[in-house]
Amino acid sequence: MVSCVVRCQVTRPAMEAANKGALLNPCPPFYRGEEVTDEVIESTFFVGYAFKKYLLDVQQAIMLYCLS
C-alpha cells in the first residue's frame, strides 16, 4: 500500500468522530484494507453492500422514467 493512502483511509476512529448517525457508502471500486479498514467494513457504519444491492433497480427505473 502506498504510504500516502494511509492518511486518507476511513478508519473506525474517523467514523466515531463523525456526526451521530453517520454511515459509510463508498463509491466502487474501493479496496478492503486500503481506502476503508476491515474494521469499518465489518461495522454498523458500513452500508455499502446493502445500498448497492438495489442500485441497478433504481438506475433502471430512472432510465425508464426519463425515456417515457
Protein backbone atom coordinates (compact mmCIF):
# COMPACT_ATOMS: atom_id res chain seq x y z
CA MET A 1 0.00 0.00 0.00
CA VAL A 2 1.25 3.47 -0.81
CA SER A 3 2.05 5.36 2.38
CA CYS A 4 0.11 8.48 1.35
CA VAL A 5 -3.09 6.39 1.07
CA VAL A 6 -2.96 5.57 4.79
CA ARG A 7 -3.56 9.24 5.60
CA CYS A 8 -6.80 9.12 3.57
CA GLN A 9 -8.05 5.82 4.96
CA VAL A 10 -11.50 5.60 6.57
CA THR A 11 -10.93 4.09 10.00
CA ARG A 12 -13.15 3.31 12.96
CA PRO A 13 -11.87 6.31 14.96
CA ALA A 14 -12.68 8.55 11.99
CA MET A 15 -16.22 7.16 11.79
CA GLU A 16 -16.70 7.51 15.56
CA ALA A 17 -15.65 11.18 15.27
CA ALA A 18 -18.22 11.78 12.51
CA ASN A 19 -21.69 13.18 13.12
CA LYS A 20 -24.13 10.98 15.03
CA GLY A 21 -25.80 8.51 12.66
CA ALA A 22 -23.07 8.80 10.02
CA LEU A 23 -22.94 5.91 7.56
CA LEU A 24 -20.30 4.90 5.05
CA ASN A 25 -21.34 4.10 1.50
CA PRO A 26 -18.12 4.26 -0.54
CA CYS A 27 -18.14 4.51 -4.32
CA PRO A 28 -16.68 1.50 -6.08
CA PRO A 29 -14.05 0.49 -6.61
CA PHE A 30 -12.77 0.58 -3.07
CA TYR A 31 -10.39 -1.92 -1.58
CA ARG A 32 -10.71 -3.53 1.83
CA GLY A 33 -7.76 -2.56 3.95
CA GLU A 34 -6.73 0.30 1.65
CA GLU A 35 -9.34 3.08 1.39
CA VAL A 36 -11.50 1.54 4.11
CA THR A 37 -10.25 -0.59 7.01
CA ASP A 38 -11.60 -4.09 7.59
CA GLU A 39 -12.90 -2.94 10.96
CA VAL A 40 -15.15 -0.28 9.37
CA ILE A 41 -16.44 -2.64 6.66
CA GLU A 42 -17.46 -5.14 9.34
CA SER A 43 -19.12 -2.44 11.48
CA THR A 44 -22.61 -0.96 11.50
CA PHE A 45 -21.19 2.20 9.89
CA PHE A 46 -20.83 0.41 6.56
CA VAL A 47 -23.96 0.19 4.40
CA GLY A 48 -22.29 -0.18 1.01
CA TYR A 49 -23.36 -3.70 0.12
CA ALA A 50 -26.96 -3.30 1.27
CA PHE A 51 -27.32 0.00 -0.56
CA LYS A 52 -25.74 -1.17 -3.81
CA LYS A 53 -27.93 -4.26 -3.85
CA TYR A 54 -30.77 -2.07 -5.17
CA LEU A 55 -28.72 0.44 -7.15
CA LEU A 56 -29.25 -1.23 -10.54
CA ASP A 57 -33.02 -1.32 -9.99
CA VAL A 58 -33.04 2.38 -9.13
CA GLN A 59 -30.90 3.26 -12.16
CA GLN A 60 -33.19 1.28 -14.47
CA ALA A 61 -36.29 2.96 -13.02
CA ILE A 62 -34.77 6.39 -13.62
CA MET A 63 -33.91 5.47 -17.20
CA LEU A 64 -37.44 4.21 -17.86
CA TYR A 65 -38.89 7.38 -16.36
CA CYS A 66 -36.66 9.61 -18.46
CA LEU A 67 -37.38 7.71 -21.67
CA SER A 68 -41.14 7.65 -21.27
